[in-house]
Amino acid sequence: MKNSIALDQVAGTVCVDLKFVGEGSYAKVFIYKEPNYHIHVALKRAKPELDNKEMKRFRQEFDVLKSLHSPYIVQVCAYNESDNSYTMEYMDESIYKFI
């Protein structure tokens, strides 16, 4: 796994450091600070050992979230086919902390 990603910007490509924040069955989650807007963004990257069925389900998760628009559902931004990851709004709380 890479510890940074390259972001295409108007002025060129910028590399930012990724900070690991957690993982689940299908993916690892990282955060980074978006250099233009100075906000934290989450990056969810599928684990490389996923089989085709699991990878399809991971992509379907993104597609469903992308179609939903609610202040109560995390907003996803873009899917990256080259490393099977997607960016999304960073949430600094979890349901477990809230409860």
PDB file of N, CA and C in Angstrom:
ATOM      1  N   MET A   1       0.836  -1.183   0.000  1.00  0.00           N
ATOM      2  CA  MET A   1       0.000   0.000   0.000  1.00  0.00           C
ATOM      3  C   MET A   1       0.882   1.248   0.000  1.00  0.00           C
ATOM      4  N   LYS A   2       0.492   2.203  -0.794  1.00  0.00           N
ATOM      5  CA  LYS A   2       1.207   3.464  -0.841  1.00  0.00           C
ATOM      6  C   LYS A   2       0.842   4.286   0.382  1.00  0.00           C
ATOM      7  N   ASN A   3       1.769   5.133   0.821  1.00  0.00           N
ATOM      8  CA  ASN A   3       1.511   6.024   1.944  1.00  0.00           C
ATOM      9  C   ASN A   3       1.273   7.446   1.492  1.00  0.00           C
ATOM     10  N   SER A   4       1.097   7.637   0.176  1.00  0.00           N
ATOM     11  CA  SER A   4       0.776   8.950  -0.367  1.00  0.00           C
ATOM     12  C   SER A   4       0.043   8.746  -1.682  1.00  0.00           C
ATOM     13  N   ILE A   5      -0.608   9.800  -2.153  1.00  0.00           N
ATOM     14  CA  ILE A   5      -1.263   9.760  -3.453  1.00  0.00           C
ATOM     15  C   ILE A   5      -0.917  11.029  -4.207  1.00  0.00           C
ATOM     16  N   ALA A   6      -1.008  10.972  -5.520  1.00  0.00           N
ATOM     17  CA  ALA A   6      -0.762  12.135  -6.372  1.00  0.00           C
ATOM     18  C   ALA A   6      -2.110  12.733  -6.752  1.00  0.00           C
ATOM     19  N   LEU A   7      -2.259  14.024  -6.519  1.00  0.00           N
ATOM     20  CA  LEU A   7      -3.484  14.730  -6.852  1.00  0.00           C
ATOM     21  C   LEU A   7      -3.220  15.648  -8.025  1.00  0.00           C
ATOM     22  N   ASP A   8      -3.998  15.515  -9.088  1.00  0.00           N
ATOM     23  CA  ASP A   8      -3.862  16.399 -10.230  1.00  0.00           C
ATOM     24  C   ASP A   8      -4.495  17.745  -9.882  1.00  0.00           C
ATOM     25  N   GLN A   9      -3.727  18.786 -10.013  1.00  0.00           N
ATOM     26  CA  GLN A   9      -4.176  20.142  -9.704  1.00  0.00           C
ATOM     27  C   GLN A   9      -4.017  20.997 -10.949  1.00  0.00           C
ATOM     28  N   VAL A  10      -4.611  22.153 -10.941  1.00  0.00           N
ATOM     29  CA  VAL A  10      -4.483  23.069 -12.077  1.00  0.00           C
ATOM     30  C   VAL A  10      -3.016  23.411 -12.310  1.00  0.00           C
ATOM     31  N   ALA A  11      -2.267  23.600 -11.233  1.00  0.00           N
ATOM     32  CA  ALA A  11      -0.858  23.978 -11.341  1.00  0.00           C
ATOM     33  C   ALA A  11       0.063  22.771 -11.478  1.00  0.00           C
ATOM     34  N   GLY A  12      -0.477  21.570 -11.545  1.00  0.00           N
ATOM     35  CA  GLY A  12       0.336  20.363 -11.663  1.00  0.00           C
ATOM     36  C   GLY A  12      -0.069  19.341 -10.623  1.00  0.00           C
ATOM     37  N   THR A  13       0.712  18.279 -10.527  1.00  0.00           N
ATOM     38  CA  THR A  13       0.420  17.193  -9.590  1.00  0.00           C
ATOM     39  C   THR A  13       1.058  17.478  -8.240  1.00  0.00           C
ATOM     40  N   VAL A  14       0.301  17.221  -7.182  1.00  0.00           N
ATOM     41  CA  VAL A  14       0.777  17.420  -5.819  1.00  0.00           C
ATOM     42  C   VAL A  14       0.672  16.094  -5.078  1.00  0.00           C
ATOM     43  N   CYS A  15       1.709  15.708  -4.363  1.00  0.00           N
ATOM     44  CA  CYS A  15       1.664  14.499  -3.549  1.00  0.00           C
ATOM     45  C   CYS A  15       1.298  14.861  -2.118  1.00  0.00           C
ATOM     46  N   VAL A  16       0.397  14.097  -1.537  1.00  0.00           N
ATOM     47  CA  VAL A  16       0.002  14.325  -0.147  1.00  0.00           C
ATOM     48  C   VAL A  16       0.154  13.015   0.620  1.00  0.00           C
ATOM     49  N   ASP A  17       0.460  13.124   1.903  1.00  0.00           N
ATOM     50  CA  ASP A  17       0.625  11.952   2.748  1.00  0.00           C
ATOM     51  C   ASP A  17      -0.726  11.418   3.190  1.00  0.00           C
ATOM     52  N   LEU A  18      -0.819  10.101   3.224  1.00  0.00           N
ATOM     53  CA  LEU A  18      -2.023   9.434   3.702  1.00  0.00           C
ATOM     54  C   LEU A  18      -1.800   8.972   5.135  1.00  0.00           C
ATOM     55  N   LYS A  19      -2.824   9.125   5.959  1.00  0.00           N
ATOM     56  CA  LYS A  19      -2.774   8.642   7.338  1.00  0.00           C
ATOM     57  C   LYS A  19      -3.816   7.541   7.485  1.00  0.00           C
ATOM     58  N   PHE A  20      -3.374   6.361   7.879  1.00  0.00           N
ATOM     59  CA  PHE A  20      -4.267   5.225   8.069  1.00  0.00           C
ATOM     60  C   PHE A  20      -5.164   5.491   9.271  1.00  0.00           C
ATOM     61  N   VAL A  21      -6.491   5.275   9.094  1.00  0.00           N
ATOM     62  CA  VAL A  21      -7.421   5.494  10.205  1.00  0.00           C
ATOM     63  C   VAL A  21      -8.252   4.269  10.562  1.00  0.00           C
ATOM     64  N   GLY A  22      -8.291   3.268   9.695  1.00  0.00           N
ATOM     65  CA  GLY A  22      -9.056   2.075  10.028  1.00  0.00           C
ATOM     66  C   GLY A  22      -9.251   1.172   8.831  1.00  0.00           C
ATOM     67  N   GLU A  23      -9.911   0.024   9.098  1.00  0.00           N
ATOM     68  CA  GLU A  23     -10.181  -0.911   8.018  1.00  0.00           C
ATOM     69  C   GLU A  23     -11.376  -1.775   8.356  1.00  0.00           C
ATOM     70  N   GLY A  24     -11.926  -2.373   7.311  1.00  0.00           N
ATOM     71  CA  GLY A  24     -13.040  -3.296   7.457  1.00  0.00           C
ATOM     72  C   GLY A  24     -12.737  -4.550   6.670  1.00  0.00           C
ATOM     73  N   SER A  25     -13.766  -5.288   6.320  1.00  0.00           N
ATOM     74  CA  SER A  25     -13.587  -6.535   5.591  1.00  0.00           C
ATOM     75  C   SER A  25     -13.056  -6.328   4.183  1.00  0.00           C
ATOM     76  N   TYR A  26     -13.482  -5.229   3.554  1.00  0.00           N
ATOM     77  CA  TYR A  26     -13.183  -5.017   2.145  1.00  0.00           C
ATOM     78  C   TYR A  26     -12.116  -3.959   1.874  1.00  0.00           C
ATOM     79  N   ALA A  27     -11.903  -3.040   2.799  1.00  0.00           N
ATOM     80  CA  ALA A  27     -11.056  -1.903   2.467  1.00  0.00           C
ATOM     81  C   ALA A  27     -10.338  -1.324   3.679  1.00  0.00           C
ATOM     82  N   LYS A  28      -9.333  -0.532   3.366  1.00  0.00           N
ATOM     83  CA  LYS A  28      -8.630   0.269   4.367  1.00  0.00           C
ATOM     84  C   LYS A  28      -8.994   1.728   4.111  1.00  0.00           C
ATOM     85  N   VAL A  29      -9.065   2.499   5.183  1.00  0.00           N
ATOM     86  CA  VAL A  29      -9.451   3.903   5.068  1.00  0.00           C
ATOM     87  C   VAL A  29      -8.298   4.786   5.539  1.00  0.00           C
ATOM     88  N   PHE A  30      -8.026   5.809   4.745  1.00  0.00           N
ATOM     89  CA  PHE A  30      -6.974   6.772   5.033  1.00  0.00           C
ATOM     90  C   PHE A  30      -7.583   8.174   4.992  1.00  0.00           C
ATOM     91  N   ILE A  31      -6.889   9.129   5.597  1.00  0.00           N
ATOM     92  CA  ILE A  31      -7.296  10.523   5.428  1.00  0.00           C
ATOM     93  C   ILE A  31      -6.104  11.322   4.930  1.00  0.00           C
ATOM     94  N   TYR A  32      -6.416  12.413   4.267  1.00  0.00           N
ATOM     95  CA  TYR A  32      -5.388  13.360   3.854  1.00  0.00           C
ATOM     96  C   TYR A  32      -6.006  14.750   3.823  1.00  0.00           C
ATOM     97  N   LYS A  33      -5.140  15.751   3.839  1.00  0.00           N
ATOM     98  CA  LYS A  33      -5.610  17.130   3.784  1.00  0.00           C
ATOM     99  C   LYS A  33      -5.559  17.604   2.340  1.00  0.00           C
ATOM    100  N   GLU A  34      -6.714  17.980   1.809  1.00  0.00           N
ATOM    101  CA  GLU A  34      -6.812  18.457   0.432  1.00  0.00           C
ATOM    102  C   GLU A  34      -6.115  19.813   0.350  1.00  0.00           C
ATOM    103  N   PRO A  35      -5.097  19.944  -0.517  1.00  0.00           N
ATOM    104  CA  PRO A  35      -4.269  21.148  -0.513  1.00  0.00           C
ATOM    105  C   PRO A  35      -4.968  22.433  -0.962  1.00  0.00           C
ATOM    106  N   ASN A  36      -5.968  22.362  -1.814  1.00  0.00           N
ATOM    107  CA  ASN A  36      -6.631  23.585  -2.272  1.00  0.00           C
ATOM    108  C   ASN A  36      -7.659  24.116  -1.286  1.00  0.00           C
ATOM    109  N   TYR A  37      -8.414  23.203  -0.692  1.00  0.00           N
ATOM    110  CA  TYR A  37      -9.505  23.612   0.195  1.00  0.00           C
ATOM    111  C   TYR A  37      -9.164  23.491   1.672  1.00  0.00           C
ATOM    112  N   HIS A  38      -8.035  22.878   1.974  1.00  0.00           N
ATOM    113  CA  HIS A  38      -7.567  22.715   3.350  1.00  0.00           C
ATOM    114  C   HIS A  38      -8.590  22.011   4.227  1.00  0.00           C
ATOM    115  N   ILE A  39      -9.182  20.961   3.680  1.00  0.00           N
ATOM    116  CA  ILE A  39     -10.116  20.127   4.434  1.00  0.00           C
ATOM    117  C   ILE A  39      -9.633  18.685   4.385  1.00  0.00           C
ATOM    118  N   HIS A  40     -10.031  17.909   5.374  1.00  0.00           N
ATOM    119  CA  HIS A  40      -9.673  16.497   5.376  1.00  0.00           C
ATOM    120  C   HIS A  40     -10.630  15.723   4.477  1.00  0.00           C
ATOM    121  N   VAL A  41     -10.060  14.786   3.739  1.00  0.00           N
ATOM    122  CA  VAL A  41     -10.809  13.926   2.827  1.00  0.00           C
ATOM    123  C   VAL A  41     -10.441  12.488   3.166  1.00  0.00           C
ATOM    124  N   ALA A  42     -11.418  11.610   3.116  1.00  0.00           N
ATOM    125  CA  ALA A  42     -11.158  10.186   3.364  1.00  0.00           C
ATOM    126  C   ALA A  42     -10.961   9.472   2.030  1.00  0.00           C
ATOM    127  N   LEU A  43     -10.066   8.515   2.038  1.00  0.00           N
ATOM    128  CA  LEU A  43      -9.807   7.671   0.876  1.00  0.00           C
ATOM    129  C   LEU A  43     -10.035   6.231   1.307  1.00  0.00           C
ATOM    130  N   LYS A  44     -10.963   5.567   0.659  1.00  0.00           N
ATOM    131  CA  LYS A  44     -11.262   4.165   0.962  1.00  0.00           C
ATOM    132  C   LYS A  44     -10.712   3.318  -0.169  1.00  0.00           C
ATOM    133  N   ARG A  45      -9.745   2.458   0.154  1.00  0.00           N
ATOM    134  CA  ARG A  45      -9.053   1.660  -0.858  1.00  0.00           C
ATOM    135  C   ARG A  45      -9.332   0.176  -0.634  1.00  0.00           C
ATOM    136  N   ALA A  46      -9.816  -0.485  -1.676  1.00  0.00           N
ATOM    137  CA  ALA A  46     -10.111  -1.916  -1.593  1.00  0.00           C
ATOM    138  C   ALA A  46      -8.837  -2.698  -1.305  1.00  0.00           C
ATOM    139  N   LYS A  47      -8.983  -3.735  -0.508  1.00  0.00           N
ATOM    140  CA  LYS A  47      -7.840  -4.601  -0.219  1.00  0.00           C
ATOM    141  C   LYS A  47      -7.480  -5.381  -1.481  1.00  0.00           C
ATOM    142  N   PRO A  48      -6.201  -5.566  -1.745  1.00  0.00           N
ATOM    143  CA  PRO A  48      -5.780  -6.227  -2.991  1.00  0.00           C
ATOM    144  C   PRO A  48      -6.188  -7.692  -3.089  1.00  0.00           C
ATOM    145  N   GLU A  49      -6.463  -8.333  -1.975  1.00  0.00           N
ATOM    146  CA  GLU A  49      -6.801  -9.759  -2.013  1.00  0.00           C
ATOM    147  C   GLU A  49      -8.276 -10.047  -2.309  1.00  0.00           C
ATOM    148  N   LEU A  50      -9.071  -9.023  -2.570  1.00  0.00           N
ATOM    149  CA  LEU A  50     -10.485  -9.245  -2.868  1.00  0.00           C
ATOM    150  C   LEU A  50     -10.650 -10.005  -4.185  1.00  0.00           C
ATOM    151  N   ASP A  51     -11.614 -10.922  -4.209  1.00  0.00           N
ATOM    152  CA  ASP A  51     -11.908 -11.615  -5.459  1.00  0.00           C
ATOM    153  C   ASP A  51     -12.858 -10.751  -6.306  1.00  0.00           C
ATOM    154  N   ASN A  52     -13.193 -11.210  -7.494  1.00  0.00           N
ATOM    155  CA  ASN A  52     -14.018 -10.412  -8.412  1.00  0.00           C
ATOM    156  C   ASN A  52     -15.383 -10.067  -7.827  1.00  0.00           C
ATOM    157  N   LYS A  53     -16.008 -11.021  -7.143  1.00  0.00           N
ATOM    158  CA  LYS A  53     -17.325 -10.793  -6.541  1.00  0.00           C
ATOM    159  C   LYS A  53     -17.252  -9.708  -5.465  1.00  0.00           C
ATOM    160  N   GLU A  54     -16.225  -9.766  -4.635  1.00  0.00           N
ATOM    161  CA  GLU A  54     -16.051  -8.769  -3.572  1.00  0.00           C
ATOM    162  C   GLU A  54     -15.717  -7.398  -4.152  1.00  0.00           C
ATOM    163  N   MET A  55     -14.901  -7.377  -5.212  1.00  0.00           N
ATOM    164  CA  MET A  55     -14.553  -6.110  -5.848  1.00  0.00           C
ATOM    165  C   MET A  55     -15.792  -5.468  -6.474  1.00  0.00           C
ATOM    166  N   LYS A  56     -16.646  -6.288  -7.060  1.00  0.00           N
ATOM    167  CA  LYS A  56     -17.892  -5.792  -7.637  1.00  0.00           C
ATOM    168  C   LYS A  56     -18.772  -5.184  -6.543  1.00  0.00           C
ATOM    169  N   ARG A  57     -18.824  -5.840  -5.398  1.00  0.00           N
ATOM    170  CA  ARG A  57     -19.616  -5.328  -4.279  1.00  0.00           C
ATOM    171  C   ARG A  57     -19.038  -4.015  -3.758  1.00  0.00           C
ATOM    172  N   PHE A  58     -17.709  -3.897  -3.704  1.00  0.00           N
ATOM    173  CA  PHE A  58     -17.055  -2.658  -3.280  1.00  0.00           C
ATOM    174  C   PHE A  58     -17.428  -1.514  -4.222  1.00  0.00           C
ATOM    175  N   ARG A  59     -17.368  -1.777  -5.518  1.00  0.00           N
ATOM    176  CA  ARG A  59     -17.724  -0.755  -6.503  1.00  0.00           C
ATOM    177  C   ARG A  59     -19.219  -0.400  -6.397  1.00  0.00           C
ATOM    178  N   GLN A  60     -20.041  -1.395  -6.159  1.00  0.00           N
ATOM    179  CA  GLN A  60     -21.475  -1.163  -6.014  1.00  0.00           C
ATOM    180  C   GLN A  60     -21.759  -0.284  -4.796  1.00  0.00           C
ATOM    181  N   GLU A  61     -20.988  -0.456  -3.733  1.00  0.00           N
ATOM    182  CA  GLU A  61     -21.128   0.397  -2.554  1.00  0.00           C
ATOM    183  C   GLU A  61     -20.928   1.866  -2.938  1.00  0.00           C
ATOM    184  N   PHE A  62     -19.877   2.131  -3.722  1.00  0.00           N
ATOM    185  CA  PHE A  62     -19.630   3.499  -4.181  1.00  0.00           C
ATOM    186  C   PHE A  62     -20.795   4.007  -5.024  1.00  0.00           C
ATOM    187  N   ASP A  63     -21.232   3.212  -5.995  1.00  0.00           N
ATOM    188  CA  ASP A  63     -22.306   3.635  -6.901  1.00  0.00           C
ATOM    189  C   ASP A  63     -23.590   3.968  -6.142  1.00  0.00           C
ATOM    190  N   VAL A  64     -23.942   3.160  -5.158  1.00  0.00           N
ATOM    191  CA  VAL A  64     -25.153   3.419  -4.371  1.00  0.00           C
ATOM    192  C   VAL A  64     -24.991   4.693  -3.553  1.00  0.00           C
ATOM    193  N   LEU A  65     -23.851   4.839  -2.871  1.00  0.00           N
ATOM    194  CA  LEU A  65     -23.627   6.057  -2.084  1.00  0.00           C
ATOM    195  C   LEU A  65     -23.633   7.300  -2.961  1.00  0.00           C
ATOM    196  N   LYS A  66     -23.079   7.199  -4.156  1.00  0.00           N
ATOM    197  CA  LYS A  66     -23.031   8.339  -5.078  1.00  0.00           C
ATOM    198  C   LYS A  66     -24.440   8.772  -5.489  1.00  0.00           C
ATOM    199  N   SER A  67     -25.365   7.842  -5.549  1.00  0.00           N
ATOM    200  CA  SER A  67     -26.730   8.161  -5.976  1.00  0.00           C
ATOM    201  C   SER A  67     -27.586   8.760  -4.854  1.00  0.00           C
ATOM    202  N   LEU A  68     -27.109   8.669  -3.621  1.00  0.00           N
ATOM    203  CA  LEU A  68     -27.879   9.163  -2.480  1.00  0.00           C
ATOM    204  C   LEU A  68     -27.450  10.574  -2.099  1.00  0.00           C
ATOM    205  N   HIS A  69     -28.416  11.399  -1.735  1.00  0.00           N
ATOM    206  CA  HIS A  69     -28.128  12.780  -1.341  1.00  0.00           C
ATOM    207  C   HIS A  69     -28.902  13.083  -0.070  1.00  0.00           C
ATOM    208  N   SER A  70     -28.217  13.023   1.055  1.00  0.00           N
ATOM    209  CA  SER A  70     -28.838  13.252   2.353  1.00  0.00           C
ATOM    210  C   SER A  70     -27.780  13.768   3.321  1.00  0.00           C
ATOM    211  N   PRO A  71     -28.153  14.662   4.207  1.00  0.00           N
ATOM    212  CA  PRO A  71     -27.183  15.125   5.217  1.00  0.00           C
ATOM    213  C   PRO A  71     -26.828  14.026   6.223  1.00  0.00           C
ATOM    214  N   TYR A  72     -27.551  12.904   6.188  1.00  0.00           N
ATOM    215  CA  TYR A  72     -27.324  11.813   7.129  1.00  0.00           C
ATOM    216  C   TYR A  72     -26.516  10.662   6.532  1.00  0.00           C
ATOM    217  N   ILE A  73     -26.103  10.804   5.273  1.00  0.00           N
ATOM    218  CA  ILE A  73     -25.321   9.774   4.592  1.00  0.00           C
ATOM    219  C   ILE A  73     -24.038  10.406   4.078  1.00  0.00           C
ATOM    220  N   VAL A  74     -22.918   9.724   4.311  1.00  0.00           N
ATOM    221  CA  VAL A  74     -21.629  10.253   3.878  1.00  0.00           C
ATOM    222  C   VAL A  74     -21.635  10.484   2.366  1.00  0.00           C
ATOM    223  N   GLN A  75     -21.044  11.595   1.952  1.00  0.00           N
ATOM    224  CA  GLN A  75     -20.989  11.941   0.527  1.00  0.00           C
ATOM    225  C   GLN A  75     -19.709  11.394  -0.091  1.00  0.00           C
ATOM    226  N   VAL A  76     -19.842  10.637  -1.186  1.00  0.00           N
ATOM    227  CA  VAL A  76     -18.676  10.131  -1.905  1.00  0.00           C
ATOM    228  C   VAL A  76     -18.427  11.016  -3.119  1.00  0.00           C
ATOM    229  N   CYS A  77     -17.170  11.056  -3.557  1.00  0.00           N
ATOM    230  CA  CYS A  77     -16.811  11.985  -4.629  1.00  0.00           C
ATOM    231  C   CYS A  77     -16.454  11.300  -5.936  1.00  0.00           C
ATOM    232  N   ALA A  78     -15.362  10.550  -5.950  1.00  0.00           N
ATOM    233  CA  ALA A  78     -14.871   9.990  -7.212  1.00  0.00           C
ATOM    234  C   ALA A  78     -14.257   8.616  -6.996  1.00  0.00           C
ATOM    235  N   TYR A  79     -14.444   7.746  -7.981  1.00  0.00           N
ATOM    236  CA  TYR A  79     -13.873   6.396  -7.949  1.00  0.00           C
ATOM    237  C   TYR A  79     -12.626   6.374  -8.810  1.00  0.00           C
ATOM    238  N   ASN A  80     -11.570   5.747  -8.309  1.00  0.00           N
ATOM    239  CA  ASN A  80     -10.320   5.607  -9.048  1.00  0.00           C
ATOM    240  C   ASN A  80     -10.161   4.143  -9.445  1.00  0.00           C
ATOM    241  N   GLU A  81     -10.316   3.864 -10.734  1.00  0.00           N
ATOM    242  CA  GLU A  81     -10.230   2.487 -11.244  1.00  0.00           C
ATOM    243  C   GLU A  81      -8.827   1.902 -11.106  1.00  0.00           C
ATOM    244  N   SER A  82      -7.794   2.744 -11.173  1.00  0.00           N
ATOM    245  CA  SER A  82      -6.424   2.223 -11.199  1.00  0.00           C
ATOM    246  C   SER A  82      -6.027   1.553  -9.890  1.00  0.00           C
ATOM    247  N   ASP A  83      -6.541   2.017  -8.762  1.00  0.00           N
ATOM    248  CA  ASP A  83      -6.205   1.356  -7.495  1.00  0.00           C
ATOM    249  C   ASP A  83      -7.443   0.952  -6.694  1.00  0.00           C
ATOM    250  N   ASN A  84      -8.605   0.948  -7.358  1.00  0.00           N
ATOM    251  CA  ASN A  84      -9.859   0.559  -6.715  1.00  0.00           C
ATOM    252  C   ASN A  84     -10.055   1.268  -5.375  1.00  0.00           C
ATOM    253  N   SER A  85     -10.141   2.580  -5.470  1.00  0.00           N
ATOM    254  CA  SER A  85     -10.364   3.393  -4.278  1.00  0.00           C
ATOM    255  C   SER A  85     -11.353   4.497  -4.618  1.00  0.00           C
ATOM    256  N   TYR A  86     -11.915   5.088  -3.591  1.00  0.00           N
ATOM    257  CA  TYR A  86     -12.740   6.266  -3.817  1.00  0.00           C
ATOM    258  C   TYR A  86     -12.586   7.254  -2.677  1.00  0.00           C
ATOM    259  N   THR A  87     -12.805   8.513  -3.013  1.00  0.00           N
ATOM    260  CA  THR A  87     -12.718   9.573  -2.028  1.00  0.00           C
ATOM    261  C   THR A  87     -14.108   9.899  -1.518  1.00  0.00           C
ATOM    262  N   MET A  88     -14.125  10.350  -0.283  1.00  0.00           N
ATOM    263  CA  MET A  88     -15.405  10.691   0.331  1.00  0.00           C
ATOM    264  C   MET A  88     -15.185  11.719   1.427  1.00  0.00           C
ATOM    265  N   GLU A  89     -16.275  12.281   1.845  1.00  0.00           N
ATOM    266  CA  GLU A  89     -16.292  13.240   2.938  1.00  0.00           C
ATOM    267  C   GLU A  89     -15.700  12.569   4.178  1.00  0.00           C
ATOM    268  N   TYR A  90     -14.839  13.288   4.888  1.00  0.00           N
ATOM    269  CA  TYR A  90     -14.254  12.741   6.112  1.00  0.00           C
ATOM    270  C   TYR A  90     -15.187  13.012   7.284  1.00  0.00           C
ATOM    271  N   MET A  91     -15.529  11.971   7.992  1.00  0.00           N
ATOM    272  CA  MET A  91     -16.389  12.087   9.167  1.00  0.00           C
ATOM    273  C   MET A  91     -15.515  11.893  10.408  1.00  0.00           C
ATOM    274  N   ASP A  92     -15.481  12.879  11.287  1.00  0.00           N
ATOM    275  CA  ASP A  92     -14.617  12.777  12.460  1.00  0.00           C
ATOM    276  C   ASP A  92     -15.295  12.077  13.637  1.00  0.00           C
ATOM    277  N   GLU A  93     -16.498  11.590  13.446  1.00  0.00           N
ATOM    278  CA  GLU A  93     -17.207  10.810  14.445  1.00  0.00           C
ATOM    279  C   GLU A  93     -17.637   9.491  13.830  1.00  0.00           C
ATOM    280  N   SER A  94     -17.892   8.519  14.663  1.00  0.00           N
ATOM    281  CA  SER A  94     -18.436   7.259  14.182  1.00  0.00           C
ATOM    282  C   SER A  94     -19.696   6.952  14.969  1.00  0.00           C
ATOM    283  N   ILE A  95     -20.504   6.064  14.467  1.00  0.00           N
ATOM    284  CA  ILE A  95     -21.723   5.676  15.152  1.00  0.00           C
ATOM    285  C   ILE A  95     -21.384   5.056  16.509  1.00  0.00           C
ATOM    286  N   TYR A  96     -20.246   4.365  16.571  1.00  0.00           N
ATOM    287  CA  TYR A  96     -19.834   3.727  17.835  1.00  0.00           C
ATOM    288  C   TYR A  96     -19.501   4.778  18.892  1.00  0.00           C
ATOM    289  N   LYS A  97     -18.808   5.850  18.493  1.00  0.00           N
ATOM    290  CA  LYS A  97     -18.507   6.935  19.427  1.00  0.00           C
ATOM    291  C   LYS A  97     -19.780   7.653  19.849  1.00  0.00           C
ATOM    292  N   PHE A  98     -20.681   7.852  18.908  1.00  0.00           N
ATOM    293  CA  PHE A  98     -21.919   8.575  19.175  1.00  0.00           C
ATOM    294  C   PHE A  98     -22.791   7.844  20.190  1.00  0.00           C
ATOM    295  N   ILE A  99     -22.917   6.538  20.014  1.00  0.00           N
ATOM    296  CA  ILE A  99     -23.750   5.736  20.921  1.00  0.00           C
ATOM    297  C   ILE A  99     -23.103   5.654  22.277  1.00  0.00           C
TER     298      ILE A  99
END
